[in-house]
Amino acid sequence: MPPSFFQSDPTGVRVKVCGITNAADAGIAADAGADAIGIVLYPGSKRFVDLPSAASWLPELMGRVVRVALLVDPTYDEVRRVLDNPLIDAVQLHGDETPDFCALLAGHGKPVLKALRMRSREILASAATYPVTAVLLDAYVEKAYGGTGHTFPWQWVAGFRTPFILSGGLTPHNVRLAVHTAKPFAVDVSSGVETSPGRKDPALVRAFIARAKEMPPQGMPQMEESDGCRVAGNG
């Protein structure tokens, strides 16, 4: 697995392009310098793609980007099957999964991300209770799990010391301000670089990645060599 998404990069913050549904968009993101791409395995999403379909183009990304599978409130067996798939490098839990559920995945050897939907600033207090590689902070929209185009007040996370990925309503126009204000180690974009749900705009993808990487890197997760699924303090 390419380790770069979870390691410090002196050239700028890391970038994950989520909601990839086809080979062309995956190639555009990788060629533009994305560090990770995300596929949504949640059937309730407009960007849903099933693994058998994605298996035709995921191999082309091996060694180029980290391939992240997004799941919403999966069972333990469902997550394990995805983690066991050699075409997937990491998983992102984007539902109401508990810290105890995440702890069951520790020791598998692949990174696990946990999304927290920022309904209020108080959500941050729970971040350290999740035994995961990194948390992803997204906007809260009722009954919606990512890709909403909504932001949350970035000043809520000013001074937040746990390494995190910033998501929610990011675009080429606001990503530099978002990074300057929130200071994440990585940013995650989906709807902000699309022409329609699941269809990326090449120019917007390139612009987003270029502008994000103009910003200096922030704190990184401390990866343990023997266990890719644990977060260990500040970078």
C-alpha atoms as a PDB file:
ATOM      1  CA  MET A   1       0.000   0.000   0.000  1.00  0.00           C
ATOM      2  CA  PRO A   2       1.283   3.524  -0.751  1.00  0.00           C
ATOM      3  CA  PRO A   3       2.069   4.945   2.708  1.00  0.00           C
ATOM      4  CA  SER A   4       2.216   8.573   1.598  1.00  0.00           C
ATOM      5  CA  PHE A   5      -1.297   9.605   2.661  1.00  0.00           C
ATOM      6  CA  PHE A   6      -0.417   8.994   6.313  1.00  0.00           C
ATOM      7  CA  GLN A   7       3.137  10.346   6.220  1.00  0.00           C
ATOM      8  CA  SER A   8       4.338  13.938   6.387  1.00  0.00           C
ATOM      9  CA  ASP A   9       4.754  15.683   3.046  1.00  0.00           C
ATOM     10  CA  PRO A  10       6.892  18.847   3.038  1.00  0.00           C
ATOM     11  CA  THR A  11       5.245  19.955  -0.198  1.00  0.00           C
ATOM     12  CA  GLY A  12       1.731  20.393   1.191  1.00  0.00           C
ATOM     13  CA  VAL A  13      -1.311  18.832   2.786  1.00  0.00           C
ATOM     14  CA  ARG A  14      -2.568  15.456   1.653  1.00  0.00           C
ATOM     15  CA  VAL A  15      -5.588  15.190  -0.647  1.00  0.00           C
ATOM     16  CA  LYS A  16      -8.259  12.501  -0.913  1.00  0.00           C
ATOM     17  CA  VAL A  17     -10.782  12.608  -3.755  1.00  0.00           C
ATOM     18  CA  CYS A  18     -13.875  10.689  -2.677  1.00  0.00           C
ATOM     19  CA  GLY A  19     -16.937   9.455  -4.531  1.00  0.00           C
ATOM     20  CA  ILE A  20     -14.958   7.998  -7.436  1.00  0.00           C
ATOM     21  CA  THR A  21     -17.228   5.807  -9.557  1.00  0.00           C
ATOM     22  CA  ASN A  22     -15.276   5.071 -12.729  1.00  0.00           C
ATOM     23  CA  ALA A  23     -11.824   4.463 -14.184  1.00  0.00           C
ATOM     24  CA  ALA A  24     -11.567   7.801 -15.976  1.00  0.00           C
ATOM     25  CA  ASP A  25     -12.152   9.862 -12.835  1.00  0.00           C
ATOM     26  CA  ALA A  26      -9.802   7.651 -10.844  1.00  0.00           C
ATOM     27  CA  GLY A  27      -7.052   8.234 -13.381  1.00  0.00           C
ATOM     28  CA  ILE A  28      -7.666  11.979 -13.437  1.00  0.00           C
ATOM     29  CA  ALA A  29      -7.358  12.188  -9.652  1.00  0.00           C
ATOM     30  CA  ALA A  30      -4.191  10.082  -9.559  1.00  0.00           C
ATOM     31  CA  ASP A  31      -2.564  11.987 -12.427  1.00  0.00           C
ATOM     32  CA  ALA A  32      -3.393  15.307 -10.750  1.00  0.00           C
ATOM     33  CA  GLY A  33      -1.516  14.294  -7.602  1.00  0.00           C
ATOM     34  CA  ALA A  34      -4.193  12.947  -5.270  1.00  0.00           C
ATOM     35  CA  ASP A  35      -2.765  10.932  -2.401  1.00  0.00           C
ATOM     36  CA  ALA A  36      -5.925   8.855  -1.940  1.00  0.00           C
ATOM     37  CA  ILE A  37      -9.218   8.132  -3.675  1.00  0.00           C
ATOM     38  CA  GLY A  38     -12.433   6.945  -2.089  1.00  0.00           C
ATOM     39  CA  ILE A  39     -15.131   4.621  -3.360  1.00  0.00           C
ATOM     40  CA  VAL A  40     -18.513   4.613  -1.645  1.00  0.00           C
ATOM     41  CA  LEU A  41     -19.825   1.140  -0.820  1.00  0.00           C
ATOM     42  CA  TYR A  42     -22.972   2.543   0.808  1.00  0.00           C
ATOM     43  CA  PRO A  43     -26.038   1.764  -1.364  1.00  0.00           C
ATOM     44  CA  GLY A  44     -27.867   4.841  -0.058  1.00  0.00           C
ATOM     45  CA  SER A  45     -25.353   7.174  -1.702  1.00  0.00           C
ATOM     46  CA  LYS A  46     -25.699   8.795  -5.124  1.00  0.00           C
ATOM     47  CA  ARG A  47     -22.059   7.817  -5.592  1.00  0.00           C
ATOM     48  CA  PHE A  48     -22.499   4.159  -4.725  1.00  0.00           C
ATOM     49  CA  VAL A  49     -20.301   1.668  -6.536  1.00  0.00           C
ATOM     50  CA  ASP A  50     -20.040  -2.033  -5.771  1.00  0.00           C
ATOM     51  CA  LEU A  51     -16.659  -3.682  -5.363  1.00  0.00           C
ATOM     52  CA  PRO A  52     -17.082  -6.184  -8.212  1.00  0.00           C
ATOM     53  CA  SER A  53     -17.638  -3.290 -10.628  1.00  0.00           C
ATOM     54  CA  ALA A  54     -14.738  -1.256  -9.245  1.00  0.00           C
ATOM     55  CA  ALA A  55     -12.484  -4.313  -9.447  1.00  0.00           C
ATOM     56  CA  SER A  56     -12.051  -3.652 -13.163  1.00  0.00           C
ATOM     57  CA  TRP A  57     -10.148  -0.401 -12.554  1.00  0.00           C
ATOM     58  CA  LEU A  58      -8.895  -0.428  -8.956  1.00  0.00           C
ATOM     59  CA  PRO A  59      -5.810  -2.515  -9.883  1.00  0.00           C
ATOM     60  CA  GLU A  60      -4.585   0.319 -12.118  1.00  0.00           C
ATOM     61  CA  LEU A  61      -4.250   2.524  -9.033  1.00  0.00           C
ATOM     62  CA  MET A  62      -2.091   0.113  -7.052  1.00  0.00           C
ATOM     63  CA  GLY A  63       1.023   1.884  -5.786  1.00  0.00           C
ATOM     64  CA  ARG A  64      -0.204   5.270  -7.058  1.00  0.00           C
ATOM     65  CA  VAL A  65      -2.809   6.276  -4.477  1.00  0.00           C
ATOM     66  CA  VAL A  66      -4.322   4.873  -1.297  1.00  0.00           C
ATOM     67  CA  ARG A  67      -7.621   3.198  -2.224  1.00  0.00           C
ATOM     68  CA  VAL A  68     -10.178   3.876   0.514  1.00  0.00           C
ATOM     69  CA  ALA A  69     -13.544   2.119   0.789  1.00  0.00           C
ATOM     70  CA  LEU A  70     -16.293   4.098   2.543  1.00  0.00           C
ATOM     71  CA  LEU A  71     -18.906   2.156   4.525  1.00  0.00           C
ATOM     72  CA  VAL A  72     -21.863   3.307   6.614  1.00  0.00           C
ATOM     73  CA  ASP A  73     -22.820   1.309   9.720  1.00  0.00           C
ATOM     74  CA  PRO A  74     -21.488  -2.000   8.391  1.00  0.00           C
ATOM     75  CA  THR A  75     -21.375  -5.227  10.339  1.00  0.00           C
ATOM     76  CA  TYR A  76     -18.038  -6.476  11.586  1.00  0.00           C
ATOM     77  CA  ASP A  77     -18.006  -9.217   8.948  1.00  0.00           C
ATOM     78  CA  GLU A  78     -18.724  -6.699   6.187  1.00  0.00           C
ATOM     79  CA  VAL A  79     -15.773  -4.545   7.205  1.00  0.00           C
ATOM     80  CA  ARG A  80     -13.470  -7.534   7.502  1.00  0.00           C
ATOM     81  CA  ARG A  81     -14.386  -8.708   4.004  1.00  0.00           C
ATOM     82  CA  VAL A  82     -13.515  -5.297   2.613  1.00  0.00           C
ATOM     83  CA  LEU A  83     -10.268  -5.107   4.587  1.00  0.00           C
ATOM     84  CA  ASP A  84      -9.335  -8.569   3.339  1.00  0.00           C
ATOM     85  CA  ASN A  85      -9.773  -7.460  -0.275  1.00  0.00           C
ATOM     86  CA  PRO A  86      -6.333  -6.787  -1.830  1.00  0.00           C
ATOM     87  CA  LEU A  87      -7.805  -4.001  -3.981  1.00  0.00           C
ATOM     88  CA  ILE A  88      -8.604  -1.919  -0.880  1.00  0.00           C
ATOM     89  CA  ASP A  89      -5.851  -0.204   1.131  1.00  0.00           C
ATOM     90  CA  ALA A  90      -7.955   1.397   3.892  1.00  0.00           C
ATOM     91  CA  VAL A  91     -11.545   1.744   5.079  1.00  0.00           C
ATOM     92  CA  GLN A  92     -13.515   4.804   6.147  1.00  0.00           C
ATOM     93  CA  LEU A  93     -16.403   4.332   8.572  1.00  0.00           C
ATOM     94  CA  HIS A  94     -18.914   7.106   7.933  1.00  0.00           C
ATOM     95  CA  GLY A  95     -21.931   6.135  10.029  1.00  0.00           C
ATOM     96  CA  ASP A  96     -22.602   5.885  13.749  1.00  0.00           C
ATOM     97  CA  GLU A  97     -19.943   3.278  14.482  1.00  0.00           C
ATOM     98  CA  THR A  98     -18.819   3.250  18.115  1.00  0.00           C
ATOM     99  CA  PRO A  99     -15.277   3.291  19.524  1.00  0.00           C
ATOM    100  CA  ASP A 100     -15.809  -0.311  20.648  1.00  0.00           C
ATOM    101  CA  PHE A 101     -16.722  -1.335  17.109  1.00  0.00           C
ATOM    102  CA  CYS A 102     -13.611   0.374  15.746  1.00  0.00           C
ATOM    103  CA  ALA A 103     -11.502  -1.385  18.365  1.00  0.00           C
ATOM    104  CA  LEU A 104     -12.538  -4.732  16.883  1.00  0.00           C
ATOM    105  CA  LEU A 105     -10.676  -3.782  13.700  1.00  0.00           C
ATOM    106  CA  ALA A 106      -7.405  -2.906  15.406  1.00  0.00           C
ATOM    107  CA  GLY A 107      -4.600  -5.224  14.456  1.00  0.00           C
ATOM    108  CA  HIS A 108      -5.899  -6.003  10.982  1.00  0.00           C
ATOM    109  CA  GLY A 109      -2.927  -4.205   9.444  1.00  0.00           C
ATOM    110  CA  LYS A 110      -4.751  -1.687   7.248  1.00  0.00           C
ATOM    111  CA  PRO A 111      -5.640   1.910   8.175  1.00  0.00           C
ATOM    112  CA  VAL A 112      -9.130   2.670   9.439  1.00  0.00           C
ATOM    113  CA  LEU A 113     -10.593   6.185   9.249  1.00  0.00           C
ATOM    114  CA  LYS A 114     -13.604   7.279  11.301  1.00  0.00           C
ATOM    115  CA  ALA A 115     -15.798  10.135  10.115  1.00  0.00           C
ATOM    116  CA  LEU A 116     -17.349  12.385  12.744  1.00  0.00           C
ATOM    117  CA  ARG A 117     -20.232  14.575  11.595  1.00  0.00           C
ATOM    118  CA  MET A 118     -19.792  17.980  13.186  1.00  0.00           C
ATOM    119  CA  ARG A 119     -23.203  18.816  14.584  1.00  0.00           C
ATOM    120  CA  SER A 120     -21.487  20.936  17.245  1.00  0.00           C
ATOM    121  CA  ARG A 121     -18.033  21.751  18.556  1.00  0.00           C
ATOM    122  CA  GLU A 122     -18.602  19.234  21.363  1.00  0.00           C
ATOM    123  CA  ILE A 123     -18.222  16.350  18.891  1.00  0.00           C
ATOM    124  CA  LEU A 124     -14.457  16.905  19.031  1.00  0.00           C
ATOM    125  CA  ALA A 125     -14.329  15.590  22.589  1.00  0.00           C
ATOM    126  CA  SER A 126     -15.129  12.094  21.323  1.00  0.00           C
ATOM    127  CA  ALA A 127     -12.388  12.001  18.681  1.00  0.00           C
ATOM    128  CA  ALA A 128      -9.676  10.652  20.969  1.00  0.00           C
ATOM    129  CA  THR A 129     -11.878   7.721  22.038  1.00  0.00           C
ATOM    130  CA  TYR A 130     -11.727   6.107  18.585  1.00  0.00           C
ATOM    131  CA  PRO A 131      -8.816   3.664  18.167  1.00  0.00           C
ATOM    132  CA  VAL A 132      -8.351   4.467  14.486  1.00  0.00           C
ATOM    133  CA  THR A 133      -5.604   5.754  12.223  1.00  0.00           C
ATOM    134  CA  ALA A 134      -7.218   9.169  11.827  1.00  0.00           C
ATOM    135  CA  VAL A 135     -10.554  10.921  12.200  1.00  0.00           C
ATOM    136  CA  LEU A 136     -12.307  12.736   9.377  1.00  0.00           C
ATOM    137  CA  LEU A 137     -14.400  15.760  10.326  1.00  0.00           C
ATOM    138  CA  ASP A 138     -17.403  16.308   8.060  1.00  0.00           C
ATOM    139  CA  ALA A 139     -20.437  18.580   8.080  1.00  0.00           C
ATOM    140  CA  TYR A 140     -23.570  17.280   9.787  1.00  0.00           C
ATOM    141  CA  VAL A 141     -26.610  16.866   7.556  1.00  0.00           C
ATOM    142  CA  GLU A 142     -29.454  14.740   8.919  1.00  0.00           C
ATOM    143  CA  LYS A 143     -29.703  11.309   7.273  1.00  0.00           C
ATOM    144  CA  ALA A 144     -26.821  12.154   4.921  1.00  0.00           C
ATOM    145  CA  TYR A 145     -23.380  10.576   5.050  1.00  0.00           C
ATOM    146  CA  GLY A 146     -20.867  12.666   3.143  1.00  0.00           C
ATOM    147  CA  GLY A 147     -20.919  14.362  -0.241  1.00  0.00           C
ATOM    148  CA  THR A 148     -23.518  16.919   0.850  1.00  0.00           C
ATOM    149  CA  GLY A 149     -21.701  20.069  -0.234  1.00  0.00           C
ATOM    150  CA  HIS A 150     -22.204  21.578   3.227  1.00  0.00           C
ATOM    151  CA  THR A 151     -19.440  23.024   5.382  1.00  0.00           C
ATOM    152  CA  PHE A 152     -19.218  23.446   9.149  1.00  0.00           C
ATOM    153  CA  PRO A 153     -17.552  26.343  11.020  1.00  0.00           C
ATOM    154  CA  TRP A 154     -13.845  25.641  10.577  1.00  0.00           C
ATOM    155  CA  GLN A 155     -13.018  27.772  13.598  1.00  0.00           C
ATOM    156  CA  TRP A 156     -14.541  25.005  15.720  1.00  0.00           C
ATOM    157  CA  VAL A 157     -11.372  22.970  15.192  1.00  0.00           C
ATOM    158  CA  ALA A 158      -8.849  25.763  15.695  1.00  0.00           C
ATOM    159  CA  GLY A 159      -6.392  24.405  18.224  1.00  0.00           C
ATOM    160  CA  PHE A 160      -7.692  20.830  17.928  1.00  0.00           C
ATOM    161  CA  ARG A 161      -4.601  18.713  18.545  1.00  0.00           C
ATOM    162  CA  THR A 162      -5.639  15.301  17.222  1.00  0.00           C
ATOM    163  CA  PRO A 163      -4.503  14.849  13.584  1.00  0.00           C
ATOM    164  CA  PHE A 164      -7.538  14.929  11.317  1.00  0.00           C
ATOM    165  CA  ILE A 165      -8.821  15.039   7.762  1.00  0.00           C
ATOM    166  CA  LEU A 166     -11.083  17.976   6.887  1.00  0.00           C
ATOM    167  CA  SER A 167     -14.144  17.338   4.748  1.00  0.00           C
ATOM    168  CA  GLY A 168     -17.491  18.933   3.989  1.00  0.00           C
ATOM    169  CA  GLY A 169     -18.239  21.469   1.282  1.00  0.00           C
ATOM    170  CA  LEU A 170     -14.650  21.961   0.154  1.00  0.00           C
ATOM    171  CA  THR A 171     -14.032  23.398  -3.315  1.00  0.00           C
ATOM    172  CA  PRO A 172     -11.088  24.808  -5.268  1.00  0.00           C
ATOM    173  CA  HIS A 173     -12.262  28.253  -4.143  1.00  0.00           C
ATOM    174  CA  ASN A 174     -12.299  27.685  -0.386  1.00  0.00           C
ATOM    175  CA  VAL A 175      -9.766  24.928   0.276  1.00  0.00           C
ATOM    176  CA  ARG A 176      -6.847  27.248   1.042  1.00  0.00           C
ATOM    177  CA  LEU A 177      -8.874  29.233   3.570  1.00  0.00           C
ATOM    178  CA  ALA A 178     -10.177  25.988   5.065  1.00  0.00           C
ATOM    179  CA  VAL A 179      -6.669  24.607   5.570  1.00  0.00           C
ATOM    180  CA  HIS A 180      -5.380  27.912   6.919  1.00  0.00           C
ATOM    181  CA  THR A 181      -8.217  28.064   9.464  1.00  0.00           C
ATOM    182  CA  ALA A 182      -8.636  24.428  10.502  1.00  0.00           C
ATOM    183  CA  LYS A 183      -5.076  23.117   9.995  1.00  0.00           C
ATOM    184  CA  PRO A 184      -5.816  19.499   9.002  1.00  0.00           C
ATOM    185  CA  PHE A 185      -3.147  17.101   7.779  1.00  0.00           C
ATOM    186  CA  ALA A 186      -5.368  16.196   4.810  1.00  0.00           C
ATOM    187  CA  VAL A 187      -8.480  17.352   2.983  1.00  0.00           C
ATOM    188  CA  ASP A 188     -11.255  15.272   1.430  1.00  0.00           C
ATOM    189  CA  VAL A 189     -13.342  16.447  -1.514  1.00  0.00           C
ATOM    190  CA  SER A 190     -16.265  14.950  -3.398  1.00  0.00           C
ATOM    191  CA  SER A 191     -19.146  17.175  -4.542  1.00  0.00           C
ATOM    192  CA  GLY A 192     -16.868  20.225  -4.782  1.00  0.00           C
ATOM    193  CA  VAL A 193     -15.163  18.838  -7.899  1.00  0.00           C
ATOM    194  CA  GLU A 194     -18.188  17.334  -9.663  1.00  0.00           C
ATOM    195  CA  THR A 195     -20.424  18.134 -12.599  1.00  0.00           C
ATOM    196  CA  SER A 196     -23.040  15.742 -11.158  1.00  0.00           C
ATOM    197  CA  PRO A 197     -22.984  13.166  -8.343  1.00  0.00           C
ATOM    198  CA  GLY A 198     -20.259  10.642  -9.114  1.00  0.00           C
ATOM    199  CA  ARG A 199     -18.924  12.502 -12.160  1.00  0.00           C
ATOM    200  CA  LYS A 200     -15.766  14.516 -11.568  1.00  0.00           C
ATOM    201  CA  ASP A 201     -14.783  17.635 -13.496  1.00  0.00           C
ATOM    202  CA  PRO A 202     -11.119  17.246 -14.539  1.00  0.00           C
ATOM    203  CA  ALA A 203     -10.377  20.964 -14.318  1.00  0.00           C
ATOM    204  CA  LEU A 204     -11.897  21.243 -10.846  1.00  0.00           C
ATOM    205  CA  VAL A 205     -10.021  18.160  -9.624  1.00  0.00           C
ATOM    206  CA  ARG A 206      -6.706  19.563 -10.836  1.00  0.00           C
ATOM    207  CA  ALA A 207      -7.414  23.008  -9.407  1.00  0.00           C
ATOM    208  CA  PHE A 208      -8.453  21.627  -6.027  1.00  0.00           C
ATOM    209  CA  ILE A 209      -5.373  19.454  -5.644  1.00  0.00           C
ATOM    210  CA  ALA A 210      -3.005  22.185  -6.796  1.00  0.00           C
ATOM    211  CA  ARG A 211      -4.471  24.768  -4.427  1.00  0.00           C
ATOM    212  CA  ALA A 212      -4.604  22.389  -1.475  1.00  0.00           C
ATOM    213  CA  LYS A 213      -0.962  21.469  -1.931  1.00  0.00           C
ATOM    214  CA  GLU A 214       0.060  25.119  -1.890  1.00  0.00           C
ATOM    215  CA  MET A 215      -0.691  25.035   1.837  1.00  0.00           C
ATOM    216  CA  PRO A 216       1.994  23.888   4.309  1.00  0.00           C
ATOM    217  CA  PRO A 217       1.540  20.459   5.895  1.00  0.00           C
ATOM    218  CA  GLN A 218       0.013  20.164   9.331  1.00  0.00           C
ATOM    219  CA  GLY A 219       0.218  17.529  12.115  1.00  0.00           C
ATOM    220  CA  MET A 220       0.250  13.921  10.934  1.00  0.00           C
ATOM    221  CA  PRO A 221      -0.952  10.679  12.534  1.00  0.00           C
ATOM    222  CA  GLN A 222       1.847   8.627  14.052  1.00  0.00           C
ATOM    223  CA  MET A 223       1.617   5.270  12.298  1.00  0.00           C
ATOM    224  CA  GLU A 224       2.750   2.143  14.089  1.00  0.00           C
ATOM    225  CA  GLU A 225       4.603  -0.250  11.789  1.00  0.00           C
ATOM    226  CA  SER A 226       2.948  -3.320  13.280  1.00  0.00           C
ATOM    227  CA  ASP A 227      -0.573  -1.954  13.363  1.00  0.00           C
ATOM    228  CA  GLY A 228      -1.902   0.348  10.673  1.00  0.00           C
ATOM    229  CA  CYS A 229      -5.180   0.865  12.503  1.00  0.00           C
ATOM    230  CA  ARG A 230      -4.197   2.780  15.605  1.00  0.00           C
ATOM    231  CA  VAL A 231      -3.829   6.489  16.135  1.00  0.00           C
ATOM    232  CA  ALA A 232      -1.042   7.499  18.482  1.00  0.00           C
ATOM    233  CA  GLY A 233      -1.253  11.129  19.394  1.00  0.00           C
ATOM    234  CA  ASN A 234      -0.081  14.181  17.541  1.00  0.00           C
ATOM    235  CA  GLY A 235       2.175  14.585  14.557  1.00  0.00           C
END
